[in-house]
Amino acid sequence: MGEQVTNTERSVKLTAEQEKEGYHVEFSGEYVLVWEENIQIALLINSADIDAKVQDVVERRRKELTEIEEKTGWKRGT
């Protein structure tokens, strides 16, 4: 397992495009919560590689939504 980080002031950088799409990150004790607007999409344990883990979660979610849009025509926010 990865090394646990206790620094709750640590920040995770999202791209401007990800932020515009409504993704954001919160720190709560040893946990990192990843949100898409008001939907929690991940609960992670804060670790040295948390930036990569958050990016993986966000990009996986974006890919899933793109696939749904391609298959069904449904688009978030419409």
Foldseek 3Di string as FASTA:
>chain_A
DAAFDQPQVDAADDDPVLVVQQWDWHGDGQWIWIDRNPRTQDIGGHGPCVNVVNVVSSVVVVVVQVVCCVVPVDHPPD
